[in-house]
Every structure is written in structure tokens, then in C-alpha cells.
């Protein structure tokens, strides 16, 4: 018989840097999960993605065992990384703080496709371009303004 899931915990954790400090420790500790076991296995699986903040979904079972799924980084993080930005614009509609090419958009789609709510690449482009626009980042067509 399958194990019964008691709770699913969703966290954003820096790749390769999970530790028992908040937010990981308190979120897992209140459900009786072995925090260090999670931290070690998460850090081992994400050591090559150092520097990214990754969403993780942790399923906790009745016997206090757990498993987790690591999702792709948020689109905004990938866009900021492509533009070398520290943060998004506070005045997105009025202030352009960077540009991103369609080639970079397609690279982001390759990373994000499994977690986007579409299987169509054209629709995925629209999703990423909309996120960029809401951050104050202009999308240009490989050399010319779009």
C-alpha cells in the first residue's frame, strides 16, 4: 500500500546552501522531518546550480520520511541573470532597466519548459516576455527593438 502524504511543504532555497536555519529548519521541524538529512540531499542534488534560488516541494509522509521535487528557478531570476541585474524595476511601465534578446528568452524557455503551464513554445515565449516586461526589461529581436 502506498504511503499517505501528511503535508506538502513549498520552499524557495538557494541551490547548494540549504541549512537548518529559517526558512528550512522551522518549516520541516514542525512536521518532524530530519532537517539535516534534507539539507544534505538537497545540497548534493543542487551543487551544480550554485547561485540560483530553487523552488522545492517536499512531501512528508505519516512515518516522517520525505521526498522532494526540485523545480526550475523562477523566470524572474533567470531574466535578471541574463541581463546582469540585481533587481527588477520599481516603475516597470515607465522605466526600462535592461534588455534581453529572443535568443536569451529561448534559452530560459529550455530551462523552464517542464514547469510552465503550456507545451507550446510560442505560448512559452509570451509568458517569459510578459514576465520580462513586468520587470522593466525590454525584449529585443536579436539586434533590433521589438
C-alpha atoms as a PDB file:
ATOM      1  CA  UNK A   1       0.000   0.000   0.000  1.00  0.00           C
ATOM      2  CA  UNK A   2       1.202   3.498  -0.829  1.00  0.00           C
ATOM      3  CA  UNK A   3       2.390   5.772   1.947  1.00  0.00           C
ATOM      4  CA  UNK A   4      -0.012   8.541   2.902  1.00  0.00           C
ATOM      5  CA  UNK A   5       1.217  12.095   2.397  1.00  0.00           C
ATOM      6  CA  UNK A   6       0.556  14.160   5.526  1.00  0.00           C
ATOM      7  CA  UNK A   7       1.678  17.543   4.179  1.00  0.00           C
ATOM      8  CA  UNK A   8       3.415  19.161   1.222  1.00  0.00           C
ATOM      9  CA  UNK A   9       5.819  21.985   2.038  1.00  0.00           C
ATOM     10  CA  UNK A  10       6.827  24.504  -0.628  1.00  0.00           C
ATOM     11  CA  UNK A  11      10.032  26.474  -0.064  1.00  0.00           C
ATOM     12  CA  UNK A  12      12.497  28.634  -2.001  1.00  0.00           C
ATOM     13  CA  UNK A  13      16.014  27.534  -1.110  1.00  0.00           C
ATOM     14  CA  UNK A  14      19.380  28.730  -2.505  1.00  0.00           C
ATOM     15  CA  UNK A  15      20.988  25.932  -4.526  1.00  0.00           C
ATOM     16  CA  UNK A  16      23.660  24.065  -2.598  1.00  0.00           C
ATOM     17  CA  UNK A  17      23.097  26.189   0.520  1.00  0.00           C
ATOM     18  CA  UNK A  18      20.248  24.552   2.438  1.00  0.00           C
ATOM     19  CA  UNK A  19      20.833  24.685   6.195  1.00  0.00           C
ATOM     20  CA  UNK A  20      18.742  24.235   9.360  1.00  0.00           C
ATOM     21  CA  UNK A  21      18.267  27.995   9.727  1.00  0.00           C
ATOM     22  CA  UNK A  22      14.983  29.596   8.644  1.00  0.00           C
ATOM     23  CA  UNK A  23      13.104  29.028   6.390  1.00  0.00           C
ATOM     24  CA  UNK A  24      14.122  25.345   6.087  1.00  0.00           C
ATOM     25  CA  UNK A  25      14.504  24.358   9.756  1.00  0.00           C
ATOM     26  CA  UNK A  26      11.204  25.652  11.166  1.00  0.00           C
ATOM     27  CA  UNK A  27       9.169  24.506   8.146  1.00  0.00           C
ATOM     28  CA  UNK A  28      10.475  20.929   8.340  1.00  0.00           C
ATOM     29  CA  UNK A  29      10.890  20.740  12.118  1.00  0.00           C
ATOM     30  CA  UNK A  30       7.215  21.349  12.866  1.00  0.00           C
ATOM     31  CA  UNK A  31       6.372  18.213  10.863  1.00  0.00           C
ATOM     32  CA  UNK A  32       9.052  16.040  12.498  1.00  0.00           C
ATOM     33  CA  UNK A  33      11.275  15.725   9.416  1.00  0.00           C
ATOM     34  CA  UNK A  34      15.004  15.047   9.731  1.00  0.00           C
ATOM     35  CA  UNK A  35      16.266  18.514   8.751  1.00  0.00           C
ATOM     36  CA  UNK A  36      19.930  17.589   8.258  1.00  0.00           C
ATOM     37  CA  UNK A  37      19.030  14.651   6.017  1.00  0.00           C
ATOM     38  CA  UNK A  38      17.015  17.008   3.793  1.00  0.00           C
ATOM     39  CA  UNK A  39      19.787  19.638   3.753  1.00  0.00           C
ATOM     40  CA  UNK A  40      22.479  17.120   2.778  1.00  0.00           C
ATOM     41  CA  UNK A  41      20.465  15.515  -0.021  1.00  0.00           C
ATOM     42  CA  UNK A  42      19.213  18.883  -1.363  1.00  0.00           C
ATOM     43  CA  UNK A  43      22.718  20.378  -1.374  1.00  0.00           C
ATOM     44  CA  UNK A  44      24.107  17.279  -3.102  1.00  0.00           C
ATOM     45  CA  UNK A  45      21.482  17.451  -5.879  1.00  0.00           C
ATOM     46  CA  UNK A  46      21.809  21.209  -6.443  1.00  0.00           C
ATOM     47  CA  UNK A  47      25.552  21.845  -6.096  1.00  0.00           C
ATOM     48  CA  UNK A  48      25.943  22.465  -9.872  1.00  0.00           C
ATOM     49  CA  UNK A  49      23.242  25.188  -9.830  1.00  0.00           C
ATOM     50  CA  UNK A  50      25.054  27.332  -7.259  1.00  0.00           C
ATOM     51  CA  UNK A  51      23.782  30.909  -7.061  1.00  0.00           C
ATOM     52  CA  UNK A  52      20.164  30.215  -8.062  1.00  0.00           C
ATOM     53  CA  UNK A  53      17.183  30.163  -5.737  1.00  0.00           C
ATOM     54  CA  UNK A  54      15.218  26.992  -6.410  1.00  0.00           C
ATOM     55  CA  UNK A  55      11.622  26.163  -5.533  1.00  0.00           C
ATOM     56  CA  UNK A  56      11.328  22.785  -3.814  1.00  0.00           C
ATOM     57  CA  UNK A  57       8.183  20.794  -2.963  1.00  0.00           C
ATOM     58  CA  UNK A  58       8.685  18.441  -0.012  1.00  0.00           C
ATOM     59  CA  UNK A  59       6.164  15.642   0.562  1.00  0.00           C
ATOM     60  CA  UNK A  60       6.104  14.455   4.194  1.00  0.00           C
ATOM     61  CA  UNK A  61       4.615  11.016   4.920  1.00  0.00           C
ATOM     62  CA  UNK A  62       2.957   9.584   8.043  1.00  0.00           C
ATOM     63  CA  UNK A  63       6.168   7.825   9.117  1.00  0.00           C
ATOM     64  CA  UNK A  64       8.062  11.194   8.984  1.00  0.00           C
ATOM     65  CA  UNK A  65      10.007  10.147   5.884  1.00  0.00           C
ATOM     66  CA  UNK A  66      10.014  12.580   2.988  1.00  0.00           C
ATOM     67  CA  UNK A  67      10.862  13.076  -0.636  1.00  0.00           C
ATOM     68  CA  UNK A  68      11.208  16.266  -2.607  1.00  0.00           C
ATOM     69  CA  UNK A  69      10.974  17.636  -6.126  1.00  0.00           C
ATOM     70  CA  UNK A  70      13.238  20.474  -7.224  1.00  0.00           C
ATOM     71  CA  UNK A  71      11.589  22.808  -9.714  1.00  0.00           C
ATOM     72  CA  UNK A  72      13.296  25.140 -12.170  1.00  0.00           C
ATOM     73  CA  UNK A  73      14.265  28.628 -10.935  1.00  0.00           C
ATOM     74  CA  UNK A  74      11.647  31.406 -11.208  1.00  0.00           C
ATOM     75  CA  UNK A  75      11.554  33.170 -14.592  1.00  0.00           C
ATOM     76  CA  UNK A  76      12.365  36.495 -12.956  1.00  0.00           C
ATOM     77  CA  UNK A  77      15.614  35.101 -11.509  1.00  0.00           C
ATOM     78  CA  UNK A  78      16.670  33.765 -14.911  1.00  0.00           C
ATOM     79  CA  UNK A  79      15.799  37.066 -16.614  1.00  0.00           C
ATOM     80  CA  UNK A  80      17.778  39.080 -14.036  1.00  0.00           C
ATOM     81  CA  UNK A  81      20.724  36.743 -14.526  1.00  0.00           C
ATOM     82  CA  UNK A  82      20.552  37.129 -18.342  1.00  0.00           C
ATOM     83  CA  UNK A  83      20.521  40.943 -18.003  1.00  0.00           C
ATOM     84  CA  UNK A  84      23.068  41.107 -15.151  1.00  0.00           C
ATOM     85  CA  UNK A  85      20.579  42.950 -12.946  1.00  0.00           C
ATOM     86  CA  UNK A  86      20.489  42.986  -9.157  1.00  0.00           C
ATOM     87  CA  UNK A  87      16.747  43.690  -9.002  1.00  0.00           C
ATOM     88  CA  UNK A  88      13.776  44.498 -11.217  1.00  0.00           C
ATOM     89  CA  UNK A  89      12.461  47.979 -11.958  1.00  0.00           C
ATOM     90  CA  UNK A  90      10.199  49.644  -9.421  1.00  0.00           C
ATOM     91  CA  UNK A  91       8.463  51.510 -12.265  1.00  0.00           C
ATOM     92  CA  UNK A  92       8.133  48.711 -14.839  1.00  0.00           C
ATOM     93  CA  UNK A  93       5.769  50.506 -17.208  1.00  0.00           C
ATOM     94  CA  UNK A  94       7.758  53.743 -17.212  1.00  0.00           C
ATOM     95  CA  UNK A  95      11.368  52.744 -16.648  1.00  0.00           C
ATOM     96  CA  UNK A  96      13.348  50.268 -18.785  1.00  0.00           C
ATOM     97  CA  UNK A  97      16.317  48.926 -16.849  1.00  0.00           C
ATOM     98  CA  UNK A  98      17.654  46.327 -19.264  1.00  0.00           C
ATOM     99  CA  UNK A  99      17.228  44.362 -22.459  1.00  0.00           C
ATOM    100  CA  UNK A 100      17.068  40.690 -23.285  1.00  0.00           C
ATOM    101  CA  UNK A 101      17.245  39.094 -26.742  1.00  0.00           C
ATOM    102  CA  UNK A 102      14.874  36.496 -28.144  1.00  0.00           C
ATOM    103  CA  UNK A 103      17.796  34.040 -28.130  1.00  0.00           C
ATOM    104  CA  UNK A 104      18.098  34.522 -24.348  1.00  0.00           C
ATOM    105  CA  UNK A 105      14.309  34.117 -23.997  1.00  0.00           C
ATOM    106  CA  UNK A 106      14.536  30.762 -25.817  1.00  0.00           C
ATOM    107  CA  UNK A 107      17.365  29.642 -23.515  1.00  0.00           C
ATOM    108  CA  UNK A 108      15.219  30.496 -20.481  1.00  0.00           C
ATOM    109  CA  UNK A 109      12.331  28.523 -22.019  1.00  0.00           C
ATOM    110  CA  UNK A 110      14.589  25.447 -22.332  1.00  0.00           C
ATOM    111  CA  UNK A 111      15.200  25.604 -18.571  1.00  0.00           C
ATOM    112  CA  UNK A 112      11.601  26.440 -17.615  1.00  0.00           C
ATOM    113  CA  UNK A 113       9.535  24.364 -20.085  1.00  0.00           C
ATOM    114  CA  UNK A 114       8.793  21.499 -17.680  1.00  0.00           C
ATOM    115  CA  UNK A 115       7.363  23.910 -15.078  1.00  0.00           C
ATOM    116  CA  UNK A 116       5.424  26.233 -17.400  1.00  0.00           C
ATOM    117  CA  UNK A 117       1.713  25.625 -17.812  1.00  0.00           C
ATOM    118  CA  UNK A 118       1.977  25.170 -21.580  1.00  0.00           C
ATOM    119  CA  UNK A 119       3.561  22.722 -24.006  1.00  0.00           C
ATOM    120  CA  UNK A 120       3.577  25.240 -26.870  1.00  0.00           C
ATOM    121  CA  UNK A 121       6.872  27.106 -27.345  1.00  0.00           C
ATOM    122  CA  UNK A 122       5.201  30.182 -28.852  1.00  0.00           C
ATOM    123  CA  UNK A 123       2.996  30.483 -25.778  1.00  0.00           C
ATOM    124  CA  UNK A 124       6.008  29.915 -23.520  1.00  0.00           C
ATOM    125  CA  UNK A 125       7.766  32.826 -25.277  1.00  0.00           C
ATOM    126  CA  UNK A 126       4.785  35.055 -24.475  1.00  0.00           C
ATOM    127  CA  UNK A 127       4.899  34.009 -20.811  1.00  0.00           C
ATOM    128  CA  UNK A 128       8.614  34.802 -20.453  1.00  0.00           C
ATOM    129  CA  UNK A 129       8.306  38.053 -22.443  1.00  0.00           C
ATOM    130  CA  UNK A 130       5.411  39.144 -20.208  1.00  0.00           C
ATOM    131  CA  UNK A 131       7.456  38.459 -17.099  1.00  0.00           C
ATOM    132  CA  UNK A 132      10.345  40.472 -18.544  1.00  0.00           C
ATOM    133  CA  UNK A 133       8.041  43.371 -19.444  1.00  0.00           C
ATOM    134  CA  UNK A 134       6.604  43.424 -15.911  1.00  0.00           C
ATOM    135  CA  UNK A 135      10.174  43.687 -14.572  1.00  0.00           C
ATOM    136  CA  UNK A 136      11.046  46.673 -16.769  1.00  0.00           C
ATOM    137  CA  UNK A 137      13.176  44.580 -19.144  1.00  0.00           C
ATOM    138  CA  UNK A 138      12.754  45.165 -22.875  1.00  0.00           C
ATOM    139  CA  UNK A 139      12.746  42.143 -25.222  1.00  0.00           C
ATOM    140  CA  UNK A 140      14.574  42.784 -28.492  1.00  0.00           C
ATOM    141  CA  UNK A 141      14.637  40.624 -31.613  1.00  0.00           C
ATOM    142  CA  UNK A 142      18.318  39.635 -31.814  1.00  0.00           C
ATOM    143  CA  UNK A 143      19.628  43.051 -32.834  1.00  0.00           C
ATOM    144  CA  UNK A 144      16.590  45.283 -33.319  1.00  0.00           C
ATOM    145  CA  UNK A 145      13.926  46.633 -30.917  1.00  0.00           C
ATOM    146  CA  UNK A 146      10.677  44.687 -30.850  1.00  0.00           C
END
